Amino acid sequence: MIDLGWLLFLIALFAYFWRARKMTVQTKRWFKTQGRITYCELVPYEESVWPKIEYVYQVDDQEFTSQIFFID
């Protein structure tokens, strides 16, 4: 019974990482564009420091603003 539980856990873990990999691979097809940083600040987080960045970029003559630093 324990072996079956571990097997199901490992299958669920594999499925999670497979979906995450699939999403990351899809980013290769995104359009590349240049942007400019409009705001940058170093913010303490736990025992380290992380950048808080705001940037502006343009796609198809439309300007976008974002603060996202990593792919979710």
Protein backbone atom coordinates (compact mmCIF):
# COMPACT_ATOMS: atom_id res chain seq x y z
CA MET A 1 0.00 0.00 0.00
CA ILE A 2 2.85 2.39 0.80
CA ASP A 3 4.44 1.60 -2.57
CA LEU A 4 1.22 2.54 -4.34
CA GLY A 5 1.08 5.82 -2.40
CA TRP A 6 4.65 6.69 -3.38
CA LEU A 7 3.92 5.78 -7.00
CA LEU A 8 0.89 8.08 -7.09
CA PHE A 9 2.89 10.86 -5.42
CA LEU A 10 5.71 10.54 -7.95
CA ILE A 11 3.28 10.50 -10.88
CA ALA A 12 1.61 13.67 -9.56
CA LEU A 13 5.02 15.32 -9.08
CA PHE A 14 6.08 14.34 -12.60
CA ALA A 15 2.83 15.73 -14.05
CA TYR A 16 3.32 19.04 -12.21
CA PHE A 17 6.87 19.50 -13.49
CA TRP A 18 5.89 18.38 -17.00
CA ARG A 19 3.21 21.13 -17.13
CA ALA A 20 5.69 23.69 -15.79
CA ARG A 21 8.25 22.66 -18.42
CA LYS A 22 5.63 22.84 -21.15
CA MET A 23 4.76 26.41 -20.14
CA THR A 24 8.44 27.40 -20.09
CA VAL A 25 9.03 25.91 -23.56
CA GLN A 26 6.08 27.94 -24.91
CA THR A 27 7.87 31.16 -23.94
CA LYS A 28 10.40 30.49 -26.70
CA ARG A 29 7.66 31.41 -29.20
CA TRP A 30 6.96 34.78 -27.58
CA PHE A 31 7.82 37.87 -29.58
CA LYS A 32 11.05 39.54 -28.57
CA THR A 33 10.94 43.23 -27.82
CA GLN A 34 13.04 45.78 -26.05
CA GLY A 35 11.91 47.74 -23.06
CA ARG A 36 13.20 50.32 -20.68
CA ILE A 37 13.34 50.27 -16.91
CA THR A 38 11.34 53.11 -15.38
CA TYR A 39 11.80 52.26 -11.70
CA CYS A 40 14.28 50.15 -9.74
CA GLU A 41 14.65 49.64 -6.00
CA LEU A 42 16.41 47.04 -3.86
CA VAL A 43 13.98 45.56 -1.34
CA PRO A 44 15.09 43.47 1.66
CA TYR A 45 13.35 40.09 1.77
CA GLU A 46 14.09 37.69 4.62
CA GLU A 47 17.91 37.48 4.67
CA SER A 48 18.55 38.73 1.13
CA VAL A 49 17.86 41.67 -1.16
CA TRP A 50 15.66 41.49 -4.28
CA PRO A 51 15.20 44.08 -7.03
CA LYS A 52 11.78 45.66 -7.47
CA ILE A 53 11.72 46.69 -11.12
CA GLU A 54 9.07 48.39 -13.21
CA TYR A 55 9.55 48.48 -16.96
CA VAL A 56 7.78 49.61 -20.11
CA TYR A 57 7.74 47.73 -23.42
CA GLN A 58 5.91 48.07 -26.71
CA VAL A 59 4.12 45.44 -28.84
CA ASP A 60 2.25 46.32 -32.05
CA ASP A 61 2.31 50.08 -31.31
CA GLN A 62 0.77 49.48 -27.88
CA GLU A 63 2.73 50.30 -24.72
CA PHE A 64 2.62 48.00 -21.69
CA THR A 65 3.94 48.41 -18.15
CA SER A 66 4.91 45.47 -15.95
CA GLN A 67 6.68 44.53 -12.73
CA ILE A 68 6.88 40.79 -13.37
CA PHE A 69 10.44 39.58 -13.02
CA PHE A 70 9.98 35.82 -13.40
CA ILE A 71 7.69 33.59 -15.44
CA ASP A 72 4.91 32.35 -13.16
